[in-house]
Amino acid sequence: MSLKEKLADFAGALTSATYAPDEYPLSEYVNYQSNMADLQGLWLEIRQQLTHDVEAAAFIDEKLAEMLREFDAGRKAEGRRAVLAIYNLKVERLR
């Protein structure tokens, strides 16, 4: 899978994460555990391939950690804010 395809999948997983941790519309297809696993797995692959957007990558690292921390603490709004902060970077354009 190309970097461009991985970034598109990552953006899709971020969109799904706005339903986290417990408001997924079709939980039999996507749930909190599978969504977070997808985000983390994709990001590990993407992070290794990024060469130009190093500052954006560091920001995403921080926001992903914040997102997980907030969701795990039951603070949905704060976790979703972290998700949207990443999404608003227009992650599909990272290089």
N, C-alpha and C. Protein backbone atom coordinates (compact mmCIF):
# COMPACT_ATOMS: atom_id res chain seq x y z
N MET A 1 0.85 -1.17 0.00
CA MET A 1 0.00 0.00 0.00
C MET A 1 0.90 1.24 0.00
N SER A 2 0.57 2.19 -0.83
CA SER A 2 1.39 3.41 -0.94
C SER A 2 1.14 4.34 0.25
N LEU A 3 2.04 5.29 0.42
CA LEU A 3 1.88 6.28 1.48
C LEU A 3 0.57 7.05 1.30
N LYS A 4 0.26 7.39 0.08
CA LYS A 4 -0.98 8.12 -0.19
C LYS A 4 -2.20 7.32 0.26
N GLU A 5 -2.21 6.04 -0.02
CA GLU A 5 -3.32 5.17 0.38
C GLU A 5 -3.40 5.03 1.90
N LYS A 6 -2.23 4.90 2.54
CA LYS A 6 -2.21 4.81 4.00
C LYS A 6 -2.72 6.09 4.65
N LEU A 7 -2.34 7.24 4.07
CA LEU A 7 -2.82 8.52 4.60
C LEU A 7 -4.33 8.65 4.44
N ALA A 8 -4.87 8.18 3.33
CA ALA A 8 -6.32 8.20 3.13
C ALA A 8 -7.02 7.30 4.16
N ASP A 9 -6.45 6.13 4.40
CA ASP A 9 -7.02 5.23 5.41
C ASP A 9 -6.92 5.85 6.81
N PHE A 10 -5.81 6.51 7.09
CA PHE A 10 -5.62 7.17 8.39
C PHE A 10 -6.67 8.26 8.57
N ALA A 11 -6.91 9.05 7.52
CA ALA A 11 -7.94 10.10 7.59
C ALA A 11 -9.31 9.48 7.85
N GLY A 12 -9.60 8.36 7.22
CA GLY A 12 -10.86 7.66 7.45
C GLY A 12 -10.98 7.15 8.88
N ALA A 13 -9.89 6.62 9.41
CA ALA A 13 -9.90 6.14 10.80
C ALA A 13 -10.07 7.30 11.77
N LEU A 14 -9.51 8.46 11.43
CA LEU A 14 -9.72 9.65 12.26
C LEU A 14 -11.18 10.06 12.26
N THR A 15 -11.81 9.99 11.10
CA THR A 15 -13.23 10.32 11.01
C THR A 15 -14.04 9.39 11.90
N SER A 16 -13.73 8.11 11.86
CA SER A 16 -14.43 7.14 12.72
C SER A 16 -14.18 7.43 14.19
N ALA A 17 -12.99 7.93 14.52
CA ALA A 17 -12.64 8.20 15.92
C ALA A 17 -13.47 9.33 16.53
N THR A 18 -14.15 10.10 15.70
CA THR A 18 -15.02 11.13 16.27
C THR A 18 -16.23 10.52 16.97
N TYR A 19 -16.46 9.22 16.76
CA TYR A 19 -17.53 8.50 17.45
C TYR A 19 -17.04 7.84 18.74
N ALA A 20 -15.75 7.89 18.98
CA ALA A 20 -15.16 7.21 20.14
C ALA A 20 -15.61 7.87 21.43
N PRO A 21 -15.62 7.17 22.49
CA PRO A 21 -15.31 5.75 22.58
C PRO A 21 -16.53 4.83 22.45
N ASP A 22 -17.74 5.37 22.45
CA ASP A 22 -18.89 4.47 22.53
C ASP A 22 -20.10 4.87 21.68
N GLU A 23 -19.88 5.65 20.64
CA GLU A 23 -21.02 6.08 19.82
C GLU A 23 -20.88 5.68 18.35
N TYR A 24 -20.19 4.59 18.09
CA TYR A 24 -20.01 4.12 16.71
C TYR A 24 -21.36 3.67 16.15
N PRO A 25 -21.72 4.13 14.95
CA PRO A 25 -23.04 3.79 14.42
C PRO A 25 -23.20 2.30 14.10
N LEU A 26 -22.15 1.64 13.66
CA LEU A 26 -22.21 0.22 13.33
C LEU A 26 -21.10 -0.48 14.10
N SER A 27 -21.29 -0.66 15.37
CA SER A 27 -20.23 -1.18 16.23
C SER A 27 -19.78 -2.59 15.86
N GLU A 28 -20.59 -3.31 15.09
CA GLU A 28 -20.14 -4.63 14.66
C GLU A 28 -19.05 -4.54 13.59
N TYR A 29 -18.91 -3.36 12.94
CA TYR A 29 -17.87 -3.16 11.95
C TYR A 29 -16.69 -2.38 12.52
N VAL A 30 -16.97 -1.35 13.27
CA VAL A 30 -15.93 -0.53 13.88
C VAL A 30 -16.31 -0.27 15.32
N ASN A 31 -15.38 -0.53 16.21
CA ASN A 31 -15.60 -0.21 17.62
C ASN A 31 -14.34 0.48 18.14
N TYR A 32 -14.38 0.88 19.37
CA TYR A 32 -13.26 1.65 19.94
C TYR A 32 -11.94 0.91 19.81
N GLN A 33 -11.92 -0.35 20.19
CA GLN A 33 -10.66 -1.10 20.15
C GLN A 33 -10.13 -1.24 18.73
N SER A 34 -11.00 -1.58 17.79
CA SER A 34 -10.53 -1.75 16.41
C SER A 34 -10.12 -0.43 15.79
N ASN A 35 -10.85 0.63 16.11
CA ASN A 35 -10.54 1.96 15.57
C ASN A 35 -9.19 2.45 16.09
N MET A 36 -8.96 2.31 17.38
CA MET A 36 -7.69 2.76 17.96
C MET A 36 -6.53 1.92 17.44
N ALA A 37 -6.75 0.62 17.27
CA ALA A 37 -5.71 -0.25 16.71
C ALA A 37 -5.38 0.16 15.28
N ASP A 38 -6.40 0.47 14.48
CA ASP A 38 -6.18 0.93 13.11
C ASP A 38 -5.38 2.23 13.10
N LEU A 39 -5.79 3.19 13.92
CA LEU A 39 -5.09 4.46 13.97
C LEU A 39 -3.62 4.28 14.34
N GLN A 40 -3.36 3.52 15.38
CA GLN A 40 -1.99 3.33 15.83
C GLN A 40 -1.16 2.56 14.82
N GLY A 41 -1.72 1.51 14.24
CA GLY A 41 -1.00 0.73 13.25
C GLY A 41 -0.67 1.53 12.00
N LEU A 42 -1.67 2.23 11.50
CA LEU A 42 -1.44 3.05 10.31
C LEU A 42 -0.41 4.14 10.60
N TRP A 43 -0.53 4.78 11.77
CA TRP A 43 0.40 5.86 12.08
C TRP A 43 1.84 5.34 12.19
N LEU A 44 2.03 4.17 12.75
CA LEU A 44 3.38 3.60 12.83
C LEU A 44 3.98 3.43 11.44
N GLU A 45 3.18 2.95 10.51
CA GLU A 45 3.66 2.77 9.14
C GLU A 45 3.91 4.11 8.46
N ILE A 46 2.97 5.03 8.60
CA ILE A 46 3.08 6.33 7.96
C ILE A 46 4.26 7.11 8.52
N ARG A 47 4.41 7.11 9.82
CA ARG A 47 5.45 7.90 10.51
C ARG A 47 6.83 7.56 9.96
N GLN A 48 7.06 6.30 9.68
CA GLN A 48 8.36 5.86 9.16
C GLN A 48 8.62 6.38 7.74
N GLN A 49 7.57 6.67 7.01
CA GLN A 49 7.72 7.08 5.62
C GLN A 49 7.74 8.59 5.42
N LEU A 50 7.37 9.34 6.44
CA LEU A 50 7.33 10.80 6.29
C LEU A 50 8.74 11.37 6.30
N THR A 51 9.02 12.22 5.34
CA THR A 51 10.34 12.84 5.26
C THR A 51 10.28 14.36 5.30
N HIS A 52 9.18 14.94 4.87
CA HIS A 52 9.08 16.40 4.79
C HIS A 52 8.35 17.03 5.97
N ASP A 53 7.32 16.40 6.44
CA ASP A 53 6.45 17.01 7.46
C ASP A 53 6.79 16.52 8.86
N VAL A 54 8.03 16.73 9.26
CA VAL A 54 8.51 16.25 10.55
C VAL A 54 7.80 16.95 11.71
N GLU A 55 7.58 18.24 11.60
CA GLU A 55 6.88 18.97 12.66
C GLU A 55 5.43 18.50 12.80
N ALA A 56 4.78 18.28 11.69
CA ALA A 56 3.40 17.78 11.72
C ALA A 56 3.37 16.39 12.34
N ALA A 57 4.37 15.57 12.04
CA ALA A 57 4.43 14.22 12.61
C ALA A 57 4.56 14.28 14.13
N ALA A 58 5.39 15.16 14.63
CA ALA A 58 5.55 15.31 16.08
C ALA A 58 4.24 15.77 16.72
N PHE A 59 3.54 16.68 16.06
CA PHE A 59 2.24 17.15 16.55
C PHE A 59 1.25 16.00 16.61
N ILE A 60 1.23 15.17 15.57
CA ILE A 60 0.32 14.03 15.52
C ILE A 60 0.66 13.04 16.63
N ASP A 61 1.95 12.80 16.85
CA ASP A 61 2.36 11.92 17.96
C ASP A 61 1.75 12.40 19.27
N GLU A 62 1.88 13.70 19.53
CA GLU A 62 1.36 14.28 20.77
C GLU A 62 -0.16 14.17 20.86
N LYS A 63 -0.83 14.49 19.76
CA LYS A 63 -2.29 14.48 19.77
C LYS A 63 -2.86 13.06 19.86
N LEU A 64 -2.20 12.08 19.25
CA LEU A 64 -2.68 10.70 19.39
C LEU A 64 -2.56 10.25 20.84
N ALA A 65 -1.47 10.59 21.49
CA ALA A 65 -1.31 10.23 22.90
C ALA A 65 -2.37 10.94 23.75
N GLU A 66 -2.61 12.21 23.44
CA GLU A 66 -3.63 12.97 24.16
C GLU A 66 -5.01 12.36 23.94
N MET A 67 -5.31 12.00 22.71
CA MET A 67 -6.59 11.40 22.38
C MET A 67 -6.84 10.15 23.21
N LEU A 68 -5.88 9.26 23.23
CA LEU A 68 -6.02 8.01 23.98
C LEU A 68 -6.17 8.29 25.48
N ARG A 69 -5.37 9.19 25.98
CA ARG A 69 -5.44 9.55 27.40
C ARG A 69 -6.82 10.08 27.77
N GLU A 70 -7.34 10.98 26.94
CA GLU A 70 -8.64 11.59 27.22
C GLU A 70 -9.78 10.57 27.10
N PHE A 71 -9.76 9.76 26.05
CA PHE A 71 -10.81 8.75 25.91
C PHE A 71 -10.76 7.75 27.07
N ASP A 72 -9.56 7.32 27.42
CA ASP A 72 -9.43 6.36 28.52
C ASP A 72 -9.89 6.95 29.85
N ALA A 73 -9.80 8.26 29.99
CA ALA A 73 -10.25 8.93 31.22
C ALA A 73 -11.74 9.27 31.16
N GLY A 74 -12.40 8.93 30.05
CA GLY A 74 -13.83 9.20 29.93
C GLY A 74 -14.17 10.62 29.50
N ARG A 75 -13.17 11.35 29.01
CA ARG A 75 -13.40 12.73 28.56
C ARG A 75 -13.54 12.74 27.03
N LYS A 76 -14.77 12.44 26.59
CA LYS A 76 -15.05 12.31 25.16
C LYS A 76 -14.76 13.59 24.39
N ALA A 77 -15.24 14.72 24.87
CA ALA A 77 -15.10 15.98 24.14
C ALA A 77 -13.63 16.32 23.93
N GLU A 78 -12.82 16.13 24.96
CA GLU A 78 -11.39 16.44 24.85
C GLU A 78 -10.69 15.48 23.89
N GLY A 79 -11.06 14.20 23.95
CA GLY A 79 -10.50 13.22 23.03
C GLY A 79 -10.85 13.54 21.59
N ARG A 80 -12.10 13.94 21.38
CA ARG A 80 -12.54 14.28 20.02
C ARG A 80 -11.86 15.55 19.52
N ARG A 81 -11.59 16.48 20.42
CA ARG A 81 -10.84 17.68 20.01
C ARG A 81 -9.45 17.32 19.51
N ALA A 82 -8.81 16.37 20.18
CA ALA A 82 -7.49 15.92 19.74
C ALA A 82 -7.57 15.26 18.37
N VAL A 83 -8.61 14.45 18.16
CA VAL A 83 -8.82 13.81 16.85
C VAL A 83 -8.97 14.88 15.76
N LEU A 84 -9.81 15.86 16.02
CA LEU A 84 -10.07 16.91 15.01
C LEU A 84 -8.84 17.77 14.77
N ALA A 85 -8.02 17.96 15.77
CA ALA A 85 -6.78 18.72 15.58
C ALA A 85 -5.87 18.01 14.57
N ILE A 86 -5.83 16.70 14.66
CA ILE A 86 -5.04 15.92 13.69
C ILE A 86 -5.70 15.98 12.32
N TYR A 87 -6.98 15.72 12.26
CA TYR A 87 -7.69 15.70 10.99
C TYR A 87 -7.57 17.03 10.26
N ASN A 88 -7.65 18.12 11.01
CA ASN A 88 -7.59 19.45 10.40
C ASN A 88 -6.23 19.79 9.82
N LEU A 89 -5.23 18.97 10.06
CA LEU A 89 -3.93 19.15 9.40
C LEU A 89 -3.98 18.75 7.93
N LYS A 90 -5.13 18.19 7.53
CA LYS A 90 -5.27 17.64 6.18
C LYS A 90 -4.20 16.56 5.95
N VAL A 91 -4.33 15.53 6.78
CA VAL A 91 -3.32 14.47 6.82
C VAL A 91 -3.08 13.80 5.46
N GLU A 92 -4.06 13.85 4.58
CA GLU A 92 -3.87 13.23 3.26
C GLU A 92 -2.74 13.88 2.47
N ARG A 93 -2.36 15.09 2.85
CA ARG A 93 -1.32 15.83 2.12
C ARG A 93 0.08 15.71 2.73
N LEU A 94 0.22 14.98 3.81
CA LEU A 94 1.54 14.84 4.43
C LEU A 94 2.50 14.11 3.50
N ARG A 95 3.76 14.45 3.64
CA ARG A 95 4.81 13.82 2.83
C ARG A 95 6.03 13.54 3.67
